[in-house]
Amino acid sequence: MAANDNGLAERRRDDRQAVAGAVRVRLPTQDVVGPGENVSAEGLFFVITGALEVEVTLPGESLVRRGELVRVAAMSEGRVGIAIKFPTTSAAG
């Protein structure tokens, strides 16, 4: 397992390629229901069972890929990082 720029072990299985342009992510109409863990005046945390399915269009492509949201992380300067996993066959039908 190779090390990344931070000296940590790299766990990614596939090579990454830069994306130039805006990525569009759509959540098909669906309710997301799960047991609540905690709530405050500033927010809520709850858990769902199963995948949160999304549809993704990459810049310059008309193909809509299906995927599942696997991680959301608060980043610096008010940005939010979103990780989406594509199944082996990901073209929407």
PDB file of N, CA and C in Angstrom:
ATOM      1  N   MET A   1       0.857  -1.176   0.000  1.00  0.00           N
ATOM      2  CA  MET A   1       0.000   0.000   0.000  1.00  0.00           C
ATOM      3  C   MET A   1       0.898   1.231   0.000  1.00  0.00           C
ATOM      4  N   ALA A   2       0.704   2.132  -0.936  1.00  0.00           N
ATOM      5  CA  ALA A   2       1.525   3.332  -1.075  1.00  0.00           C
ATOM      6  C   ALA A   2       1.114   4.377  -0.058  1.00  0.00           C
ATOM      7  N   ALA A   3       2.035   5.311   0.220  1.00  0.00           N
ATOM      8  CA  ALA A   3       1.740   6.415   1.123  1.00  0.00           C
ATOM      9  C   ALA A   3       1.304   7.626   0.312  1.00  0.00           C
ATOM     10  N   ASN A   4       0.395   8.440   0.887  1.00  0.00           N
ATOM     11  CA  ASN A   4      -0.023   9.667   0.202  1.00  0.00           C
ATOM     12  C   ASN A   4       0.878  10.818   0.625  1.00  0.00           C
ATOM     13  N   ASP A   5       0.530  12.058   0.242  1.00  0.00           N
ATOM     14  CA  ASP A   5       1.360  13.219   0.547  1.00  0.00           C
ATOM     15  C   ASP A   5       1.507  13.475   2.043  1.00  0.00           C
ATOM     16  N   ASN A   6       0.589  12.976   2.850  1.00  0.00           N
ATOM     17  CA  ASN A   6       0.650  13.163   4.297  1.00  0.00           C
ATOM     18  C   ASN A   6       1.417  12.045   4.990  1.00  0.00           C
ATOM     19  N   GLY A   7       1.955  11.100   4.222  1.00  0.00           N
ATOM     20  CA  GLY A   7       2.676   9.980   4.805  1.00  0.00           C
ATOM     21  C   GLY A   7       1.766   8.887   5.324  1.00  0.00           C
ATOM     22  N   LEU A   8       0.458   9.010   5.078  1.00  0.00           N
ATOM     23  CA  LEU A   8      -0.494   8.006   5.531  1.00  0.00           C
ATOM     24  C   LEU A   8      -0.693   6.950   4.454  1.00  0.00           C
ATOM     25  N   ALA A   9      -1.056   5.750   4.869  1.00  0.00           N
ATOM     26  CA  ALA A   9      -1.291   4.673   3.907  1.00  0.00           C
ATOM     27  C   ALA A   9      -2.485   5.021   3.026  1.00  0.00           C
ATOM     28  N   GLU A  10      -2.336   4.834   1.728  1.00  0.00           N
ATOM     29  CA  GLU A  10      -3.390   5.106   0.753  1.00  0.00           C
ATOM     30  C   GLU A  10      -4.287   3.884   0.649  1.00  0.00           C
ATOM     31  N   ARG A  11      -5.607   4.053   0.909  1.00  0.00           N
ATOM     32  CA  ARG A  11      -6.540   2.933   0.892  1.00  0.00           C
ATOM     33  C   ARG A  11      -7.374   2.874  -0.375  1.00  0.00           C
ATOM     34  N   ARG A  12      -7.243   3.844  -1.254  1.00  0.00           N
ATOM     35  CA  ARG A  12      -8.044   3.862  -2.482  1.00  0.00           C
ATOM     36  C   ARG A  12      -7.648   2.707  -3.385  1.00  0.00           C
ATOM     37  N   ARG A  13      -8.654   2.103  -4.018  1.00  0.00           N
ATOM     38  CA  ARG A  13      -8.399   0.972  -4.911  1.00  0.00           C
ATOM     39  C   ARG A  13      -8.138   1.407  -6.342  1.00  0.00           C
ATOM     40  N   ASP A  14      -8.711   2.541  -6.756  1.00  0.00           N
ATOM     41  CA  ASP A  14      -8.604   2.993  -8.137  1.00  0.00           C
ATOM     42  C   ASP A  14      -7.869   4.323  -8.212  1.00  0.00           C
ATOM     43  N   ASP A  15      -7.215   4.566  -9.352  1.00  0.00           N
ATOM     44  CA  ASP A  15      -6.551   5.842  -9.586  1.00  0.00           C
ATOM     45  C   ASP A  15      -7.591   6.947  -9.679  1.00  0.00           C
ATOM     46  N   ARG A  16      -7.208   8.158  -9.276  1.00  0.00           N
ATOM     47  CA  ARG A  16      -8.079   9.324  -9.351  1.00  0.00           C
ATOM     48  C   ARG A  16      -7.670  10.202 -10.520  1.00  0.00           C
ATOM     49  N   GLN A  17      -8.656  10.847 -11.135  1.00  0.00           N
ATOM     50  CA  GLN A  17      -8.415  11.796 -12.214  1.00  0.00           C
ATOM     51  C   GLN A  17      -9.070  13.113 -11.834  1.00  0.00           C
ATOM     52  N   ALA A  18      -8.426  14.225 -12.171  1.00  0.00           N
ATOM     53  CA  ALA A  18      -8.992  15.536 -11.886  1.00  0.00           C
ATOM     54  C   ALA A  18     -10.257  15.747 -12.710  1.00  0.00           C
ATOM     55  N   VAL A  19     -11.193  16.500 -12.165  1.00  0.00           N
ATOM     56  CA  VAL A  19     -12.426  16.847 -12.865  1.00  0.00           C
ATOM     57  C   VAL A  19     -12.432  18.360 -13.045  1.00  0.00           C
ATOM     58  N   ALA A  20     -12.555  18.810 -14.282  1.00  0.00           N
ATOM     59  CA  ALA A  20     -12.620  20.243 -14.573  1.00  0.00           C
ATOM     60  C   ALA A  20     -14.060  20.607 -14.885  1.00  0.00           C
ATOM     61  N   GLY A  21     -14.642  21.473 -14.101  1.00  0.00           N
ATOM     62  CA  GLY A  21     -16.022  21.887 -14.335  1.00  0.00           C
ATOM     63  C   GLY A  21     -16.933  21.436 -13.214  1.00  0.00           C
ATOM     64  N   ALA A  22     -18.196  21.806 -13.315  1.00  0.00           N
ATOM     65  CA  ALA A  22     -19.180  21.515 -12.273  1.00  0.00           C
ATOM     66  C   ALA A  22     -19.743  20.102 -12.417  1.00  0.00           C
ATOM     67  N   VAL A  23     -19.849  19.426 -11.312  1.00  0.00           N
ATOM     68  CA  VAL A  23     -20.477  18.103 -11.230  1.00  0.00           C
ATOM     69  C   VAL A  23     -21.902  18.317 -10.725  1.00  0.00           C
ATOM     70  N   ARG A  24     -22.862  17.677 -11.366  1.00  0.00           N
ATOM     71  CA  ARG A  24     -24.258  17.786 -10.925  1.00  0.00           C
ATOM     72  C   ARG A  24     -24.653  16.481 -10.236  1.00  0.00           C
ATOM     73  N   VAL A  25     -25.164  16.594  -9.000  1.00  0.00           N
ATOM     74  CA  VAL A  25     -25.641  15.441  -8.246  1.00  0.00           C
ATOM     75  C   VAL A  25     -27.118  15.660  -7.953  1.00  0.00           C
ATOM     76  N   ARG A  26     -27.910  14.679  -8.284  1.00  0.00           N
ATOM     77  CA  ARG A  26     -29.358  14.754  -8.082  1.00  0.00           C
ATOM     78  C   ARG A  26     -29.792  13.616  -7.186  1.00  0.00           C
ATOM     79  N   LEU A  27     -30.610  13.946  -6.196  1.00  0.00           N
ATOM     80  CA  LEU A  27     -31.217  12.917  -5.363  1.00  0.00           C
ATOM     81  C   LEU A  27     -32.601  12.653  -5.931  1.00  0.00           C
ATOM     82  N   PRO A  28     -32.800  11.453  -6.526  1.00  0.00           N
ATOM     83  CA  PRO A  28     -34.129  11.144  -7.046  1.00  0.00           C
ATOM     84  C   PRO A  28     -35.159  11.299  -5.926  1.00  0.00           C
ATOM     85  N   THR A  29     -36.357  11.639  -6.310  1.00  0.00           N
ATOM     86  CA  THR A  29     -37.406  11.871  -5.313  1.00  0.00           C
ATOM     87  C   THR A  29     -37.548  10.644  -4.425  1.00  0.00           C
ATOM     88  N   GLN A  30     -37.216  10.856  -3.165  1.00  0.00           N
ATOM     89  CA  GLN A  30     -37.338   9.779  -2.186  1.00  0.00           C
ATOM     90  C   GLN A  30     -37.328  10.378  -0.793  1.00  0.00           C
ATOM     91  N   ASP A  31     -38.044   9.751   0.118  1.00  0.00           N
ATOM     92  CA  ASP A  31     -37.972  10.149   1.510  1.00  0.00           C
ATOM     93  C   ASP A  31     -36.828   9.385   2.155  1.00  0.00           C
ATOM     94  N   VAL A  32     -36.155  10.025   3.060  1.00  0.00           N
ATOM     95  CA  VAL A  32     -35.084   9.389   3.814  1.00  0.00           C
ATOM     96  C   VAL A  32     -35.563   9.325   5.259  1.00  0.00           C
ATOM     97  N   VAL A  33     -35.768   8.107   5.755  1.00  0.00           N
ATOM     98  CA  VAL A  33     -36.335   7.913   7.084  1.00  0.00           C
ATOM     99  C   VAL A  33     -35.416   7.025   7.898  1.00  0.00           C
ATOM    100  N   GLY A  34     -35.177   7.402   9.139  1.00  0.00           N
ATOM    101  CA  GLY A  34     -34.360   6.590  10.026  1.00  0.00           C
ATOM    102  C   GLY A  34     -34.517   7.055  11.454  1.00  0.00           C
ATOM    103  N   PRO A  35     -34.062   6.243  12.387  1.00  0.00           N
ATOM    104  CA  PRO A  35     -34.195   6.611  13.791  1.00  0.00           C
ATOM    105  C   PRO A  35     -33.305   7.811  14.135  1.00  0.00           C
ATOM    106  N   GLY A  36     -33.870   8.745  14.868  1.00  0.00           N
ATOM    107  CA  GLY A  36     -33.113   9.905  15.317  1.00  0.00           C
ATOM    108  C   GLY A  36     -32.166   9.523  16.440  1.00  0.00           C
ATOM    109  N   GLU A  37     -30.971  10.077  16.403  1.00  0.00           N
ATOM    110  CA  GLU A  37     -29.992   9.849  17.466  1.00  0.00           C
ATOM    111  C   GLU A  37     -30.005  11.001  18.467  1.00  0.00           C
ATOM    112  N   ASN A  38     -29.957  12.257  17.932  1.00  0.00           N
ATOM    113  CA  ASN A  38     -30.023  13.410  18.816  1.00  0.00           C
ATOM    114  C   ASN A  38     -30.422  14.648  18.032  1.00  0.00           C
ATOM    115  N   VAL A  39     -30.951  15.643  18.748  1.00  0.00           N
ATOM    116  CA  VAL A  39     -31.381  16.881  18.125  1.00  0.00           C
ATOM    117  C   VAL A  39     -31.050  18.035  19.072  1.00  0.00           C
ATOM    118  N   SER A  40     -30.721  19.185  18.501  1.00  0.00           N
ATOM    119  CA  SER A  40     -30.483  20.395  19.275  1.00  0.00           C
ATOM    120  C   SER A  40     -31.081  21.558  18.501  1.00  0.00           C
ATOM    121  N   ALA A  41     -30.948  22.754  19.035  1.00  0.00           N
ATOM    122  CA  ALA A  41     -31.438  23.942  18.334  1.00  0.00           C
ATOM    123  C   ALA A  41     -30.668  24.171  17.037  1.00  0.00           C
ATOM    124  N   GLU A  42     -29.449  23.618  16.921  1.00  0.00           N
ATOM    125  CA  GLU A  42     -28.601  23.853  15.753  1.00  0.00           C
ATOM    126  C   GLU A  42     -28.601  22.730  14.734  1.00  0.00           C
ATOM    127  N   GLY A  43     -29.190  21.580  15.053  1.00  0.00           N
ATOM    128  CA  GLY A  43     -29.154  20.506  14.069  1.00  0.00           C
ATOM    129  C   GLY A  43     -29.696  19.184  14.564  1.00  0.00           C
ATOM    130  N   LEU A  44     -29.527  18.185  13.715  1.00  0.00           N
ATOM    131  CA  LEU A  44     -30.083  16.856  13.946  1.00  0.00           C
ATOM    132  C   LEU A  44     -29.104  15.807  13.440  1.00  0.00           C
ATOM    133  N   PHE A  45     -29.015  14.689  14.120  1.00  0.00           N
ATOM    134  CA  PHE A  45     -28.245  13.549  13.647  1.00  0.00           C
ATOM    135  C   PHE A  45     -29.155  12.337  13.672  1.00  0.00           C
ATOM    136  N   PHE A  46     -29.239  11.647  12.522  1.00  0.00           N
ATOM    137  CA  PHE A  46     -30.015  10.416  12.463  1.00  0.00           C
ATOM    138  C   PHE A  46     -29.310   9.425  11.557  1.00  0.00           C
ATOM    139  N   VAL A  47     -29.772   8.183  11.572  1.00  0.00           N
ATOM    140  CA  VAL A  47     -29.127   7.084  10.863  1.00  0.00           C
ATOM    141  C   VAL A  47     -30.135   6.460   9.901  1.00  0.00           C
ATOM    142  N   ILE A  48     -29.646   6.058   8.727  1.00  0.00           N
ATOM    143  CA  ILE A  48     -30.513   5.333   7.807  1.00  0.00           C
ATOM    144  C   ILE A  48     -29.914   3.962   7.552  1.00  0.00           C
ATOM    145  N   THR A  49     -30.758   3.049   7.160  1.00  0.00           N
ATOM    146  CA  THR A  49     -30.321   1.717   6.764  1.00  0.00           C
ATOM    147  C   THR A  49     -30.337   1.665   5.253  1.00  0.00           C
ATOM    148  N   GLY A  50     -29.269   1.198   4.667  1.00  0.00           N
ATOM    149  CA  GLY A  50     -29.213   1.113   3.218  1.00  0.00           C
ATOM    150  C   GLY A  50     -28.531   2.323   2.609  1.00  0.00           C
ATOM    151  N   ALA A  51     -28.582   2.380   1.298  1.00  0.00           N
ATOM    152  CA  ALA A  51     -27.859   3.407   0.553  1.00  0.00           C
ATOM    153  C   ALA A  51     -28.740   4.613   0.274  1.00  0.00           C
ATOM    154  N   LEU A  52     -28.124   5.769   0.211  1.00  0.00           N
ATOM    155  CA  LEU A  52     -28.793   6.981  -0.239  1.00  0.00           C
ATOM    156  C   LEU A  52     -28.390   7.160  -1.695  1.00  0.00           C
ATOM    157  N   GLU A  53     -29.295   6.784  -2.594  1.00  0.00           N
ATOM    158  CA  GLU A  53     -28.975   6.764  -4.017  1.00  0.00           C
ATOM    159  C   GLU A  53     -28.999   8.163  -4.619  1.00  0.00           C
ATOM    160  N   VAL A  54     -28.047   8.410  -5.535  1.00  0.00           N
ATOM    161  CA  VAL A  54     -27.948   9.685  -6.227  1.00  0.00           C
ATOM    162  C   VAL A  54     -27.709   9.430  -7.709  1.00  0.00           C
ATOM    163  N   GLU A  55     -27.937  10.468  -8.515  1.00  0.00           N
ATOM    164  CA  GLU A  55     -27.607  10.428  -9.938  1.00  0.00           C
ATOM    165  C   GLU A  55     -26.574  11.516 -10.189  1.00  0.00           C
ATOM    166  N   VAL A  56     -25.517  11.187 -10.926  1.00  0.00           N
ATOM    167  CA  VAL A  56     -24.383  12.088 -11.133  1.00  0.00           C
ATOM    168  C   VAL A  56     -24.156  12.317 -12.621  1.00  0.00           C
ATOM    169  N   THR A  57     -23.953  13.586 -12.991  1.00  0.00           N
ATOM    170  CA  THR A  57     -23.556  13.938 -14.343  1.00  0.00           C
ATOM    171  C   THR A  57     -22.237  14.686 -14.250  1.00  0.00           C
ATOM    172  N   LEU A  58     -21.210  14.189 -14.953  1.00  0.00           N
ATOM    173  CA  LEU A  58     -19.895  14.822 -14.955  1.00  0.00           C
ATOM    174  C   LEU A  58     -19.823  15.879 -16.044  1.00  0.00           C
ATOM    175  N   PRO A  59     -18.945  16.874 -15.892  1.00  0.00           N
ATOM    176  CA  PRO A  59     -18.843  17.932 -16.902  1.00  0.00           C
ATOM    177  C   PRO A  59     -18.516  17.362 -18.279  1.00  0.00           C
ATOM    178  N   GLY A  60     -19.209  17.875 -19.296  1.00  0.00           N
ATOM    179  CA  GLY A  60     -18.953  17.454 -20.663  1.00  0.00           C
ATOM    180  C   GLY A  60     -19.562  16.126 -21.037  1.00  0.00           C
ATOM    181  N   GLU A  61     -20.336  15.520 -20.144  1.00  0.00           N
ATOM    182  CA  GLU A  61     -20.966  14.228 -20.429  1.00  0.00           C
ATOM    183  C   GLU A  61     -22.477  14.357 -20.359  1.00  0.00           C
ATOM    184  N   SER A  62     -23.177  13.566 -21.158  1.00  0.00           N
ATOM    185  CA  SER A  62     -24.634  13.509 -21.049  1.00  0.00           C
ATOM    186  C   SER A  62     -25.067  12.256 -20.280  1.00  0.00           C
ATOM    187  N   LEU A  63     -24.141  11.334 -20.082  1.00  0.00           N
ATOM    188  CA  LEU A  63     -24.415  10.105 -19.342  1.00  0.00           C
ATOM    189  C   LEU A  63     -24.736  10.420 -17.887  1.00  0.00           C
ATOM    190  N   VAL A  64     -25.814   9.847 -17.384  1.00  0.00           N
ATOM    191  CA  VAL A  64     -26.162   9.972 -15.971  1.00  0.00           C
ATOM    192  C   VAL A  64     -25.719   8.692 -15.281  1.00  0.00           C
ATOM    193  N   ARG A  65     -24.852   8.845 -14.293  1.00  0.00           N
ATOM    194  CA  ARG A  65     -24.345   7.686 -13.545  1.00  0.00           C
ATOM    195  C   ARG A  65     -25.116   7.565 -12.235  1.00  0.00           C
ATOM    196  N   ARG A  66     -25.407   6.342 -11.868  1.00  0.00           N
ATOM    197  CA  ARG A  66     -26.029   6.097 -10.562  1.00  0.00           C
ATOM    198  C   ARG A  66     -24.932   5.815  -9.553  1.00  0.00           C
ATOM    199  N   GLY A  67     -25.155   6.257  -8.338  1.00  0.00           N
ATOM    200  CA  GLY A  67     -24.191   6.021  -7.279  1.00  0.00           C
ATOM    201  C   GLY A  67     -24.874   6.086  -5.932  1.00  0.00           C
ATOM    202  N   GLU A  68     -24.076   5.958  -4.899  1.00  0.00           N
ATOM    203  CA  GLU A  68     -24.622   6.098  -3.555  1.00  0.00           C
ATOM    204  C   GLU A  68     -23.724   7.011  -2.737  1.00  0.00           C
ATOM    205  N   LEU A  69     -24.352   7.887  -1.990  1.00  0.00           N
ATOM    206  CA  LEU A  69     -23.628   8.801  -1.134  1.00  0.00           C
ATOM    207  C   LEU A  69     -23.018   8.001   0.005  1.00  0.00           C
ATOM    208  N   VAL A  70     -21.701   8.119   0.179  1.00  0.00           N
ATOM    209  CA  VAL A  70     -21.044   7.334   1.219  1.00  0.00           C
ATOM    210  C   VAL A  70     -20.412   8.183   2.322  1.00  0.00           C
ATOM    211  N   ARG A  71     -20.226   9.497   2.054  1.00  0.00           N
ATOM    212  CA  ARG A  71     -19.603  10.333   3.086  1.00  0.00           C
ATOM    213  C   ARG A  71     -19.859  11.802   2.784  1.00  0.00           C
ATOM    214  N   VAL A  72     -20.111  12.570   3.846  1.00  0.00           N
ATOM    215  CA  VAL A  72     -20.199  14.018   3.774  1.00  0.00           C
ATOM    216  C   VAL A  72     -19.292  14.549   4.871  1.00  0.00           C
ATOM    217  N   ALA A  73     -18.403  15.497   4.512  1.00  0.00           N
ATOM    218  CA  ALA A  73     -17.442  16.009   5.488  1.00  0.00           C
ATOM    219  C   ALA A  73     -17.360  17.523   5.417  1.00  0.00           C
ATOM    220  N   ALA A  74     -17.450  18.176   6.568  1.00  0.00           N
ATOM    221  CA  ALA A  74     -17.254  19.621   6.633  1.00  0.00           C
ATOM    222  C   ALA A  74     -15.788  19.913   6.358  1.00  0.00           C
ATOM    223  N   MET A  75     -15.542  20.896   5.493  1.00  0.00           N
ATOM    224  CA  MET A  75     -14.178  21.278   5.131  1.00  0.00           C
ATOM    225  C   MET A  75     -13.970  22.734   5.534  1.00  0.00           C
ATOM    226  N   SER A  76     -12.836  23.293   5.203  1.00  0.00           N
ATOM    227  CA  SER A  76     -12.546  24.674   5.567  1.00  0.00           C
ATOM    228  C   SER A  76     -13.329  25.651   4.707  1.00  0.00           C
ATOM    229  N   GLU A  77     -13.459  26.868   5.195  1.00  0.00           N
ATOM    230  CA  GLU A  77     -14.067  27.981   4.464  1.00  0.00           C
ATOM    231  C   GLU A  77     -15.495  27.710   4.021  1.00  0.00           C
ATOM    232  N   GLY A  78     -16.268  26.980   4.832  1.00  0.00           N
ATOM    233  CA  GLY A  78     -17.668  26.746   4.545  1.00  0.00           C
ATOM    234  C   GLY A  78     -17.952  25.728   3.459  1.00  0.00           C
ATOM    235  N   ARG A  79     -16.923  25.032   2.994  1.00  0.00           N
ATOM    236  CA  ARG A  79     -17.125  24.030   1.949  1.00  0.00           C
ATOM    237  C   ARG A  79     -17.510  22.689   2.567  1.00  0.00           C
ATOM    238  N   VAL A  80     -18.191  21.871   1.774  1.00  0.00           N
ATOM    239  CA  VAL A  80     -18.591  20.528   2.202  1.00  0.00           C
ATOM    240  C   VAL A  80     -18.103  19.541   1.155  1.00  0.00           C
ATOM    241  N   GLY A  81     -17.383  18.515   1.578  1.00  0.00           N
ATOM    242  CA  GLY A  81     -16.927  17.459   0.671  1.00  0.00           C
ATOM    243  C   GLY A  81     -17.941  16.330   0.647  1.00  0.00           C
ATOM    244  N   ILE A  82     -18.232  15.831  -0.535  1.00  0.00           N
ATOM    245  CA  ILE A  82     -19.224  14.765  -0.689  1.00  0.00           C
ATOM    246  C   ILE A  82     -18.589  13.617  -1.457  1.00  0.00           C
ATOM    247  N   ALA A  83     -18.645  12.416  -0.904  1.00  0.00           N
ATOM    248  CA  ALA A  83     -18.085  11.233  -1.564  1.00  0.00           C
ATOM    249  C   ALA A  83     -19.225  10.347  -2.060  1.00  0.00           C
ATOM    250  N   ILE A  84     -19.131   9.956  -3.323  1.00  0.00           N
ATOM    251  CA  ILE A  84     -20.134   9.111  -3.958  1.00  0.00           C
ATOM    252  C   ILE A  84     -19.452   7.890  -4.522  1.00  0.00           C
ATOM    253  N   LYS A  85     -20.006   6.728  -4.269  1.00  0.00           N
ATOM    254  CA  LYS A  85     -19.461   5.467  -4.776  1.00  0.00           C
ATOM    255  C   LYS A  85     -20.297   5.015  -5.964  1.00  0.00           C
ATOM    256  N   PHE A  86     -19.610   4.671  -7.063  1.00  0.00           N
ATOM    257  CA  PHE A  86     -20.290   4.142  -8.244  1.00  0.00           C
ATOM    258  C   PHE A  86     -20.251   2.620  -8.194  1.00  0.00           C
ATOM    259  N   PRO A  87     -21.367   1.967  -8.504  1.00  0.00           N
ATOM    260  CA  PRO A  87     -21.328   0.502  -8.620  1.00  0.00           C
ATOM    261  C   PRO A  87     -20.568   0.113  -9.887  1.00  0.00           C
ATOM    262  N   THR A  88     -20.344  -1.162 -10.094  1.00  0.00           N
ATOM    263  CA  THR A  88     -19.610  -1.623 -11.256  1.00  0.00           C
ATOM    264  C   THR A  88     -20.258  -1.154 -12.548  1.00  0.00           C
ATOM    265  N   THR A  89     -21.568  -1.271 -12.676  1.00  0.00           N
ATOM    266  CA  THR A  89     -22.280  -0.714 -13.828  1.00  0.00           C
ATOM    267  C   THR A  89     -23.096   0.451 -13.299  1.00  0.00           C
ATOM    268  N   SER A  90     -22.837   1.676 -13.797  1.00  0.00           N
ATOM    269  CA  SER A  90     -23.438   2.844 -13.185  1.00  0.00           C
ATOM    270  C   SER A  90     -24.265   3.712 -14.110  1.00  0.00           C
ATOM    271  N   ALA A  91     -24.515   3.296 -15.348  1.00  0.00           N
ATOM    272  CA  ALA A  91     -25.333   4.114 -16.243  1.00  0.00           C
ATOM    273  C   ALA A  91     -26.794   3.972 -15.856  1.00  0.00           C
ATOM    274  N   ALA A  92     -27.484   5.112 -15.739  1.00  0.00           N
ATOM    275  CA  ALA A  92     -28.910   5.104 -15.393  1.00  0.00           C
ATOM    276  C   ALA A  92     -29.711   4.569 -16.571  1.00  0.00           C
ATOM    277  N   GLY A  93     -30.781   3.882 -16.284  1.00  0.00           N
ATOM    278  CA  GLY A  93     -31.557   3.304 -17.366  1.00  0.00           C
ATOM    279  C   GLY A  93     -32.922   3.848 -17.516  1.00  0.00           C
TER     280      GLY A  93
END
